[in-house]
């Protein structure tokens, strides 16, 4: 009885072990099916579609990426495409047409005629602005087209595989290392797998269309870069971090390779942004590619720099001389204008005459405010120019008690030395004889300053009393007759 029971137990154990082995085997098959798929395309042309639903039906795996690769077998080399929608069947197999259709592909691998083309799809929360440099794009649940295109018969296979986001889709070449899912290349190596090599342009004496040339911006000792060439050539140049496709730089026809301060600074900034986003070391490069020219010589850099320095020094000297001459001319002109102005002032200022010396000048307002009884200022006008007096006019009073503009009286006396109204003589001798003693004149001036009015003062020219006034009038009348008779 015990023996039969033991046999039954052994049978169950063996049966369970067999079931376990079968379960493990099926699980492995299921994982294999879910982790990798492959499809062959033999002697096909045009656009071919590749489906990845079998490995994404349970959702996009966390901390993973889908790596899609194309292996070329025979015939025309196809292009592995990733598009936001299915492209037009008549799409051309060139960079501009493919980009215009909102499609992407492994540009460097296709143009470098590699057997393998690859790109990766990652969760949109992980993919940043610069992941496309390493052929890493955002996964979309709907509308995403994956496939290949060829214009003539071609044989190839397309594979899709789930990988960790920390593993590289391609093997890193030329000493490159894999960090955080991308290849970190050594200096002079380019591409998402470091397979493209270039030459340091600073170490070259001649350039050829056979090679790719690079400039490590960190090696520059100046804020600009310039190389003079022996002849004009078609040249492509690009900041590698901004445009990582080595054959698609901006093309110019030039006899020099030149980068200004802004271009260098901008390339540095973009490179450091890529470095911060992808967490891998990046070198700021400018790439140069000559088109359809065998060889072109580079002028010696030292001679070039010395020549530029000499030219700059010569320009500075010339500009300094010109600036000095301009300043000297301006100063000379200013000095001459001052001299001319002084001469004009001397010429225009009237020479003082005895009228100015012996007949004081007043403002008409002073005369009006003084209320001199024998001077009527209401509606008063100058009898020489026949213009009314204004408060700020300069006026003179003759000893015959007539009021005129100072300028008008001066010009009148220069021609006719008699009063325009009463014909009293106004020659120098007569005017001097009418001047009161100095002491009285000074007293009158002191009184005038203190009261700001004209006061009557014995012997003063401006305040003659009635007795002296009659005496002066009689004397003036007699002298006037004598002056006229002469």
Protein backbone atom coordinates (compact mmCIF):
# COMPACT_ATOMS: atom_id res chain seq x y z
CA UNK A 1 0.00 0.00 0.00
CA UNK A 2 2.75 2.39 0.88
CA UNK A 3 4.65 1.46 -2.24
CA UNK A 4 1.72 2.25 -4.56
CA UNK A 5 1.21 5.59 -2.80
CA UNK A 6 4.85 6.48 -3.33
CA UNK A 7 4.60 5.64 -7.01
CA UNK A 8 1.54 7.86 -7.36
CA UNK A 9 3.36 10.77 -5.73
CA UNK A 10 6.35 10.35 -8.02
CA UNK A 11 4.07 10.33 -11.03
CA UNK A 12 2.43 13.62 -9.98
CA UNK A 13 5.78 15.25 -9.35
CA UNK A 14 7.09 14.19 -12.73
CA UNK A 15 3.89 15.38 -14.37
CA UNK A 16 4.11 18.81 -12.66
CA UNK A 17 7.75 19.16 -13.66
CA UNK A 18 6.84 18.47 -17.25
CA UNK A 19 4.09 21.05 -17.09
CA UNK A 20 6.53 23.54 -15.60
CA UNK A 21 9.01 22.96 -18.41
CA UNK A 22 6.29 23.45 -21.01
CA UNK A 23 5.13 26.66 -19.28
CA UNK A 24 8.65 28.10 -19.22
CA UNK A 25 9.12 27.20 -22.89
CA UNK A 26 5.87 28.88 -23.89
CA UNK A 27 6.75 31.94 -21.83
CA UNK A 28 10.10 32.23 -23.60
CA UNK A 29 8.39 31.94 -26.97
CA UNK A 30 5.88 34.61 -25.98
CA UNK A 31 8.62 36.95 -24.77
CA UNK A 32 10.56 36.34 -27.96
CA UNK A 33 7.52 37.13 -30.06
CA UNK A 34 6.76 40.27 -28.06
CA UNK A 35 10.38 41.52 -27.93
CA UNK A 36 11.44 41.23 -31.58
CA UNK A 37 9.80 40.98 -35.00
CA UNK A 38 11.29 40.81 -38.49
CA UNK A 39 9.91 40.96 -42.02
CA UNK A 40 11.66 40.25 -45.33
CA UNK A 41 11.01 42.14 -48.56
CA UNK A 42 12.34 40.37 -51.67
CA UNK A 43 12.61 42.03 -55.10
CA UNK A 44 10.17 44.84 -54.25
CA UNK A 45 10.03 48.51 -55.21
CA UNK A 46 8.01 51.56 -54.21
CA UNK A 47 6.74 52.17 -50.67
CA UNK A 48 6.57 49.18 -48.33
CA UNK A 49 4.82 49.25 -44.92
CA UNK A 50 6.21 47.70 -41.74
CA UNK A 51 3.92 47.06 -38.75
CA UNK A 52 5.06 47.12 -35.09
CA UNK A 53 1.66 46.43 -33.48
CA UNK A 54 2.69 43.00 -32.23
CA UNK A 55 5.25 44.47 -29.86
CA UNK A 56 3.19 47.50 -28.79
CA UNK A 57 -0.26 45.93 -28.34
CA UNK A 58 0.23 45.83 -24.57
CA UNK A 59 1.37 49.45 -24.47
CA UNK A 60 4.76 51.07 -24.71
CA UNK A 61 7.20 49.43 -22.26
CA UNK A 62 8.61 51.67 -19.53
CA UNK A 63 12.27 52.69 -19.67
CA UNK A 64 12.48 51.01 -23.05
CA UNK A 65 12.68 51.99 -26.68
CA UNK A 66 11.75 50.32 -29.95
CA UNK A 67 14.73 50.05 -32.27
CA UNK A 68 13.86 49.65 -35.94
CA UNK A 69 16.55 48.64 -38.44
CA UNK A 70 16.82 47.94 -42.17
CA UNK A 71 19.39 45.48 -43.54
CA UNK A 72 20.04 45.80 -47.28
CA UNK A 73 20.44 42.48 -49.07
CA UNK A 74 20.43 43.09 -52.83
CA UNK A 75 19.42 45.52 -55.58
CA UNK A 76 18.89 49.24 -55.18
CA UNK A 77 19.64 50.64 -51.75
CA UNK A 78 16.30 51.46 -50.06
CA UNK A 79 15.57 54.17 -47.47
CA UNK A 80 14.10 53.27 -44.08
CA UNK A 81 11.38 55.86 -43.44
CA UNK A 82 9.58 57.20 -40.38
CA UNK A 83 6.73 59.58 -41.25
CA UNK A 84 3.92 61.33 -39.43
CA UNK A 85 1.59 59.98 -42.19
CA UNK A 86 1.98 57.65 -45.15
CA UNK A 87 4.07 59.51 -47.77
CA UNK A 88 3.16 60.13 -51.39
CA UNK A 89 3.97 57.20 -53.66
CA UNK A 90 5.81 59.55 -56.05
CA UNK A 91 8.15 60.89 -53.38
CA UNK A 92 11.73 61.42 -54.58
CA UNK A 93 14.58 59.69 -52.81
CA UNK A 94 16.44 62.85 -51.81
CA UNK A 95 16.81 64.75 -48.56
CA UNK A 96 14.68 67.79 -49.40
CA UNK A 97 11.73 65.78 -50.77
CA UNK A 98 11.69 63.39 -47.82
CA UNK A 99 11.83 66.21 -45.24
CA UNK A 100 9.07 68.03 -47.13
CA UNK A 101 6.83 64.97 -46.68
CA UNK A 102 7.43 65.21 -42.89
CA UNK A 103 9.49 62.05 -42.94
CA UNK A 104 12.79 61.21 -41.27
CA UNK A 105 15.50 58.69 -42.01
CA UNK A 106 19.04 57.68 -41.11
CA UNK A 107 20.62 60.30 -43.38
CA UNK A 108 24.29 59.69 -42.65
CA UNK A 109 23.98 55.87 -42.93
CA UNK A 110 22.10 56.04 -46.24
CA UNK A 111 24.40 58.60 -47.85
CA UNK A 112 27.49 56.83 -46.53
CA UNK A 113 26.15 53.60 -48.18
CA UNK A 114 26.05 51.57 -44.98
CA UNK A 115 24.30 48.21 -45.10
CA UNK A 116 22.38 49.03 -41.93
CA UNK A 117 19.97 51.94 -41.31
CA UNK A 118 18.38 52.42 -37.90
CA UNK A 119 16.28 54.71 -35.75
CA UNK A 120 14.59 54.41 -32.36
CA UNK A 121 11.18 55.29 -30.91
CA UNK A 122 10.85 56.39 -27.29
CA UNK A 123 8.10 57.65 -25.02
CA UNK A 124 7.24 61.31 -25.68
CA UNK A 125 8.02 62.20 -22.07
CA UNK A 126 11.66 61.21 -22.64
CA UNK A 127 12.27 62.54 -26.14
CA UNK A 128 13.62 66.09 -26.15
CA UNK A 129 14.39 68.75 -28.72
CA UNK A 130 17.77 67.35 -29.80
CA UNK A 131 17.22 63.56 -29.67
CA UNK A 132 16.78 63.49 -33.47
CA UNK A 133 20.54 64.12 -33.79
CA UNK A 134 20.98 60.49 -32.70
CA UNK A 135 17.96 59.22 -34.73
CA UNK A 136 15.71 58.99 -31.65
CA UNK A 137 12.10 60.05 -32.26
CA UNK A 138 8.80 60.22 -30.37
CA UNK A 139 6.49 57.20 -30.44
CA UNK A 140 2.88 57.80 -31.50
CA UNK A 141 -0.04 55.40 -31.04
CA UNK A 142 -1.79 56.39 -34.27
CA UNK A 143 -0.86 57.85 -37.64
CA UNK A 144 2.79 56.84 -37.46
CA UNK A 145 4.13 55.35 -40.69
CA UNK A 146 7.14 53.00 -40.69
CA UNK A 147 8.39 51.45 -43.89
CA UNK A 148 10.88 51.72 -46.74
CA UNK A 149 11.06 53.07 -50.25
CA UNK A 150 13.03 52.13 -53.36
CA UNK A 151 12.51 53.15 -56.99
CA UNK A 152 13.69 49.88 -58.47
CA UNK A 153 13.81 46.27 -57.31
CA UNK A 154 15.44 45.79 -53.96
CA UNK A 155 15.73 43.04 -51.35
CA UNK A 156 15.97 43.89 -47.65
CA UNK A 157 14.68 43.03 -44.22
CA UNK A 158 13.24 45.25 -41.49
CA UNK A 159 13.50 44.36 -37.80
CA UNK A 160 11.92 45.89 -34.71
CA UNK A 161 13.20 45.16 -31.23
CA UNK A 162 12.53 46.41 -27.71
CA UNK A 163 15.67 47.60 -25.94
CA UNK A 164 16.55 49.43 -22.77
CA UNK A 165 16.77 53.21 -23.16
CA UNK A 166 20.28 52.97 -21.72
CA UNK A 167 21.56 50.71 -24.52
CA UNK A 168 22.74 52.02 -27.90
CA UNK A 169 20.90 51.03 -31.06
CA UNK A 170 24.17 50.78 -32.97
CA UNK A 171 27.66 49.71 -32.10
CA UNK A 172 29.91 52.70 -31.31
CA UNK A 173 32.95 52.81 -33.65
CA UNK A 174 36.36 54.51 -33.60
CA UNK A 175 36.74 54.35 -29.83
CA UNK A 176 33.29 55.75 -29.05
CA UNK A 177 31.45 54.70 -25.87
CA UNK A 178 27.76 54.15 -25.17
CA UNK A 179 26.24 56.43 -22.48
CA UNK A 180 22.52 56.81 -21.77
CA UNK A 181 21.57 55.16 -25.08
CA UNK A 182 23.78 57.29 -27.38
CA UNK A 183 27.36 57.02 -28.60
CA UNK A 184 29.84 59.49 -27.14
CA UNK A 185 32.44 59.93 -29.89
CA UNK A 186 36.10 60.85 -29.66
CA UNK A 187 37.38 63.99 -31.39
CA UNK A 188 37.16 63.71 -35.17
CA UNK A 189 34.38 61.08 -35.20
CA UNK A 190 30.80 61.86 -36.21
CA UNK A 191 27.42 60.23 -36.72
CA UNK A 192 25.14 58.49 -34.25
CA UNK A 193 27.58 55.53 -34.23
CA UNK A 194 30.88 57.52 -34.58
CA UNK A 195 31.51 55.78 -37.93
CA UNK A 196 32.25 58.97 -39.91
CA UNK A 197 35.74 60.40 -39.49
CA UNK A 198 37.02 63.85 -40.32
CA UNK A 199 40.32 65.75 -40.46
CA UNK A 200 41.24 68.74 -38.28
CA UNK A 201 41.25 71.72 -40.62
CA UNK A 202 43.80 73.55 -38.44
CA UNK A 203 46.37 70.87 -39.28
CA UNK A 204 45.89 70.94 -43.07
CA UNK A 205 47.81 72.70 -45.82
CA UNK A 206 45.56 71.54 -48.66
CA UNK A 207 41.87 70.60 -48.79
CA UNK A 208 40.20 67.92 -50.92
CA UNK A 209 36.61 66.91 -51.69
CA UNK A 210 37.49 63.35 -50.61
CA UNK A 211 37.49 64.23 -46.92
CA UNK A 212 35.33 65.80 -44.27
CA UNK A 213 37.02 68.58 -42.26
CA UNK A 214 36.14 69.77 -38.80
CA UNK A 215 36.99 72.72 -36.56
CA UNK A 216 36.97 72.18 -32.82
CA UNK A 217 35.80 75.57 -31.56
CA UNK A 218 37.49 74.95 -28.21
CA UNK A 219 40.86 75.08 -29.98
CA UNK A 220 40.34 78.63 -31.23
CA UNK A 221 42.39 81.37 -29.59
CA UNK A 222 40.34 84.16 -31.19
CA UNK A 223 36.66 85.01 -31.28
CA UNK A 224 36.62 84.69 -35.10
CA UNK A 225 38.05 82.22 -37.61
CA UNK A 226 39.48 82.85 -41.08
CA UNK A 227 41.40 80.77 -43.61
CA UNK A 228 42.36 82.15 -47.03
CA UNK A 229 42.28 79.70 -49.93
CA UNK A 230 44.24 79.68 -53.19
CA UNK A 231 41.06 79.91 -55.30
CA UNK A 232 37.28 80.08 -55.03
CA UNK A 233 35.55 76.76 -54.34
CA UNK A 234 32.01 75.49 -53.61
CA UNK A 235 31.99 74.83 -49.87
CA UNK A 236 29.46 73.48 -47.36
CA UNK A 237 29.71 74.47 -43.73
CA UNK A 238 27.52 73.70 -40.73
CA UNK A 239 27.40 73.59 -36.95
CA UNK A 240 27.36 69.86 -36.22
CA UNK A 241 25.05 70.13 -33.19
CA UNK A 242 22.54 72.16 -35.21
CA UNK A 243 22.64 70.00 -38.38
CA UNK A 244 24.27 66.58 -37.82
CA UNK A 245 23.95 65.43 -41.45
CA UNK A 246 27.48 65.84 -42.82
CA UNK A 247 26.50 66.44 -46.48
CA UNK A 248 23.80 69.04 -45.89
CA UNK A 249 25.53 72.21 -44.73
CA UNK A 250 24.81 75.62 -46.26
CA UNK A 251 26.67 75.92 -49.58
CA UNK A 252 28.65 78.98 -50.69
CA UNK A 253 31.17 79.80 -53.42
CA UNK A 254 34.13 81.40 -51.68
CA UNK A 255 37.90 81.74 -51.52
CA UNK A 256 37.95 81.84 -47.73
CA UNK A 257 36.65 79.82 -44.80
CA UNK A 258 35.28 82.32 -42.33
CA UNK A 259 33.29 82.23 -39.09
CA UNK A 260 32.30 85.38 -37.23
CA UNK A 261 31.83 85.79 -33.49
CA UNK A 262 28.05 85.23 -33.58
CA UNK A 263 28.32 81.97 -35.56
CA UNK A 264 30.91 80.56 -33.17
CA UNK A 265 28.97 81.63 -30.07
CA UNK A 266 25.69 80.24 -31.42
CA UNK A 267 27.26 76.86 -32.23
CA UNK A 268 28.75 76.66 -28.74
CA UNK A 269 25.38 77.40 -27.14
CA UNK A 270 23.53 74.76 -29.19
CA UNK A 271 26.21 72.15 -28.43
CA UNK A 272 25.95 72.76 -24.70
CA UNK A 273 22.14 72.52 -24.89
CA UNK A 274 22.48 69.11 -26.58
CA UNK A 275 24.94 68.06 -23.90
CA UNK A 276 22.60 69.09 -21.08
CA UNK A 277 19.59 67.34 -22.65
CA UNK A 278 21.24 64.01 -23.52
CA UNK A 279 23.66 63.88 -20.54
CA UNK A 280 26.65 63.01 -22.76
CA UNK A 281 29.85 64.93 -23.47
CA UNK A 282 29.66 66.93 -26.71
CA UNK A 283 32.38 68.90 -28.54
CA UNK A 284 31.35 72.10 -30.37
CA UNK A 285 32.24 71.43 -34.03
CA UNK A 286 31.95 73.26 -37.31
CA UNK A 287 32.09 70.89 -40.31
CA UNK A 288 33.38 71.77 -43.79
CA UNK A 289 32.94 69.81 -47.00
CA UNK A 290 34.40 70.78 -50.38
CA UNK A 291 32.32 69.90 -53.43
CA UNK A 292 33.78 68.62 -56.72
CA UNK A 293 37.27 70.08 -56.26
CA UNK A 294 40.35 67.89 -56.08
CA UNK A 295 42.74 70.12 -54.14
CA UNK A 296 42.90 73.69 -52.89
CA UNK A 297 45.75 75.22 -50.92
CA UNK A 298 45.49 77.06 -47.62
CA UNK A 299 47.66 80.11 -47.11
CA UNK A 300 49.95 79.93 -44.09
CA UNK A 301 47.97 80.81 -40.98
CA UNK A 302 50.83 82.73 -39.33
CA UNK A 303 51.44 84.83 -42.43
CA UNK A 304 47.72 85.38 -42.70
CA UNK A 305 47.39 86.53 -39.08
CA UNK A 306 50.42 88.81 -39.41
CA UNK A 307 48.97 90.25 -42.61
CA UNK A 308 45.63 90.89 -40.97
CA UNK A 309 47.34 92.48 -37.95
CA UNK A 310 49.40 94.74 -40.26
CA UNK A 311 46.30 95.75 -42.20
CA UNK A 312 44.42 96.48 -38.98
CA UNK A 313 47.33 98.55 -37.65
CA UNK A 314 47.54 100.50 -40.91
CA UNK A 315 43.80 101.16 -40.85
CA UNK A 316 43.98 102.35 -37.24
CA UNK A 317 46.83 104.76 -38.10
CA UNK A 318 44.98 106.13 -41.14
CA UNK A 319 41.75 106.56 -39.20
CA UNK A 320 43.62 108.28 -36.36
CA UNK A 321 45.21 110.76 -38.80
CA UNK A 322 41.85 111.46 -40.44
CA UNK A 323 40.23 111.97 -37.04
CA UNK A 324 43.03 114.33 -35.97
CA UNK A 325 42.65 116.38 -39.18
CA UNK A 326 38.88 116.59 -38.71
CA UNK A 327 39.29 117.79 -35.10
CA UNK A 328 41.98 120.30 -36.16
CA UNK A 329 39.76 121.67 -38.95
CA UNK A 330 36.79 121.97 -36.59
CA UNK A 331 38.88 123.79 -33.97
CA UNK A 332 40.34 126.09 -36.63
CA UNK A 333 36.91 126.89 -37.96
CA UNK A 334 35.54 127.62 -34.50
CA UNK A 335 38.52 129.88 -33.71
CA UNK A 336 38.15 131.70 -37.02
CA UNK A 337 34.44 132.21 -36.42
CA UNK A 338 35.18 133.71 -33.02
CA UNK A 339 37.72 136.11 -34.56
CA UNK A 340 35.28 137.07 -37.33
CA UNK A 341 32.54 137.62 -34.78
CA UNK A 342 34.80 139.82 -32.69
CA UNK A 343 35.72 141.85 -35.76
CA UNK A 344 32.09 142.23 -36.74
CA UNK A 345 31.24 143.39 -33.25
CA UNK A 346 34.04 145.93 -33.38
CA UNK A 347 32.89 147.11 -36.79
CA UNK A 348 29.22 147.30 -35.88
CA UNK A 349 29.69 148.99 -32.52
CA UNK A 350 29.41 152.76 -33.07
CA UNK A 351 32.36 154.97 -32.12
CA UNK A 352 31.37 157.17 -29.17
CA UNK A 353 30.82 160.83 -30.11
CA UNK A 354 30.44 163.96 -28.01
CA UNK A 355 26.69 163.33 -28.04
CA UNK A 356 27.28 160.08 -26.11
CA UNK A 357 29.84 161.68 -23.84
CA UNK A 358 27.92 164.80 -22.83
CA UNK A 359 24.28 163.78 -23.23
CA UNK A 360 23.25 160.86 -20.98
CA UNK A 361 21.08 158.01 -22.30
CA UNK A 362 17.91 156.92 -20.47
CA UNK A 363 15.21 154.36 -20.93
CA UNK A 364 11.92 155.90 -22.01
CA UNK A 365 10.27 154.19 -19.03
CA UNK A 366 12.56 156.17 -16.68
CA UNK A 367 11.53 159.42 -18.34
CA UNK A 368 7.86 158.49 -18.16
CA UNK A 369 8.06 157.50 -14.48
CA UNK A 370 9.94 160.70 -13.53
CA UNK A 371 6.99 162.99 -14.45
CA UNK A 372 9.24 165.80 -15.71
CA UNK A 373 6.88 168.78 -16.18
CA UNK A 374 8.33 170.07 -19.45
CA UNK A 375 8.42 166.60 -21.10
CA UNK A 376 5.08 165.22 -22.30
CA UNK A 377 5.36 161.41 -22.65
CA UNK A 378 1.72 160.54 -23.41
CA UNK A 379 1.47 159.64 -27.08
CA UNK A 380 5.05 160.91 -27.51
CA UNK A 381 6.98 160.03 -30.64
CA UNK A 382 10.43 160.76 -31.98
CA UNK A 383 10.38 163.82 -34.25
CA UNK A 384 13.24 162.41 -36.35
CA UNK A 385 11.94 158.88 -37.23
CA UNK A 386 8.29 159.69 -36.40
CA UNK A 387 7.90 156.43 -34.45
CA UNK A 388 6.30 156.24 -31.03
CA UNK A 389 8.51 155.59 -28.05
CA UNK A 390 8.32 152.22 -26.32
CA UNK A 391 9.17 151.72 -22.67
CA UNK A 392 12.49 150.01 -23.44
CA UNK A 393 13.70 152.54 -26.06
CA UNK A 394 16.99 154.34 -25.37
CA UNK A 395 16.37 158.10 -25.48
CA UNK A 396 18.26 161.33 -25.01
CA UNK A 397 17.04 164.76 -23.83
CA UNK A 398 18.61 167.85 -25.37
CA UNK A 399 19.29 170.94 -23.26
CA UNK A 400 16.37 172.53 -25.18
CA UNK A 401 14.14 169.91 -23.52
CA UNK A 402 13.28 167.80 -26.57
CA UNK A 403 13.18 164.00 -26.50
CA UNK A 404 14.59 161.78 -29.27
CA UNK A 405 15.76 158.22 -29.84
CA UNK A 406 19.45 158.02 -28.94
CA UNK A 407 20.36 156.50 -32.28
CA UNK A 408 18.20 158.91 -34.25
CA UNK A 409 19.70 161.96 -32.49
CA UNK A 410 23.26 160.67 -33.01
CA UNK A 411 22.70 160.21 -36.75
CA UNK A 412 20.96 163.60 -37.02
CA UNK A 413 23.75 165.52 -35.28
CA UNK A 414 26.36 163.87 -37.53
CA UNK A 415 24.71 165.67 -40.47
CA UNK A 416 22.94 168.71 -38.99
CA UNK A 417 24.10 170.07 -35.64
CA UNK A 418 20.83 171.80 -34.69
CA UNK A 419 17.70 170.61 -32.89
CA UNK A 420 15.10 169.25 -35.37
CA UNK A 421 12.28 171.03 -33.54
CA UNK A 422 13.57 174.36 -32.22
CA UNK A 423 16.70 174.78 -34.36
CA UNK A 424 18.84 175.21 -31.21
CA UNK A 425 22.53 174.59 -31.92
CA UNK A 426 23.77 171.13 -30.86
CA UNK A 427 27.42 171.42 -31.75
CA UNK A 428 30.01 170.11 -29.32
CA UNK A 429 31.05 173.54 -28.05
CA UNK A 430 27.47 174.57 -27.25
CA UNK A 431 26.68 171.27 -25.48
CA UNK A 432 29.87 171.49 -23.40
CA UNK A 433 29.01 175.03 -22.37
CA UNK A 434 25.65 173.82 -21.08
CA UNK A 435 27.16 171.16 -18.81
CA UNK A 436 26.80 172.15 -15.12
CA UNK A 437 29.72 171.98 -12.68
CA UNK A 438 30.98 168.53 -11.85
CA UNK A 439 30.02 168.69 -8.21
CA UNK A 440 26.41 169.53 -9.00
CA UNK A 441 26.31 166.85 -11.66
CA UNK A 442 27.55 164.22 -9.20
CA UNK A 443 24.99 165.41 -6.65
CA UNK A 444 22.30 165.11 -9.28
CA UNK A 445 23.45 161.56 -10.08
CA UNK A 446 23.35 160.56 -6.41
CA UNK A 447 19.86 162.04 -6.03
CA UNK A 448 18.69 160.30 -9.24
CA UNK A 449 19.96 156.91 -8.04
CA UNK A 450 18.28 157.25 -4.64
CA UNK A 451 14.89 158.49 -5.86
CA UNK A 452 14.94 156.94 -9.40
CA UNK A 453 13.30 160.19 -10.58
CA UNK A 454 14.48 163.34 -12.11
CA UNK A 455 14.74 166.13 -9.48
CA UNK A 456 15.29 169.78 -10.10
CA UNK A 457 18.81 170.78 -9.21
CA UNK A 458 20.54 174.10 -9.79
CA UNK A 459 22.93 173.90 -12.72
CA UNK A 460 21.79 170.33 -13.75
CA UNK A 461 21.22 169.63 -17.41
CA UNK A 462 17.98 167.75 -16.68
CA UNK A 463 16.52 170.07 -13.97
CA UNK A 464 16.99 173.64 -15.01
CA UNK A 465 14.89 176.18 -13.14
CA UNK A 466 12.68 178.62 -14.93
CA UNK A 467 15.14 181.51 -14.71
CA UNK A 468 17.99 179.51 -16.21
CA UNK A 469 15.61 177.96 -18.72
CA UNK A 470 14.67 181.37 -20.12
CA UNK A 471 18.32 182.34 -20.20
CA UNK A 472 19.19 179.15 -22.13
CA UNK A 473 16.33 179.66 -24.56
CA UNK A 474 17.40 183.21 -25.38
CA UNK A 475 21.01 182.10 -25.77
CA UNK A 476 20.02 179.15 -27.93
CA UNK A 477 17.88 181.34 -30.14
CA UNK A 478 20.72 183.80 -30.72
CA UNK A 479 23.25 181.02 -31.39
CA UNK A 480 20.81 179.31 -33.74
CA UNK A 481 20.48 182.47 -35.80
CA UNK A 482 24.24 182.89 -35.85
CA UNK A 483 24.73 179.24 -36.86
CA UNK A 484 22.19 179.54 -39.68
CA UNK A 485 23.77 182.76 -40.99
CA UNK A 486 27.10 181.02 -41.21
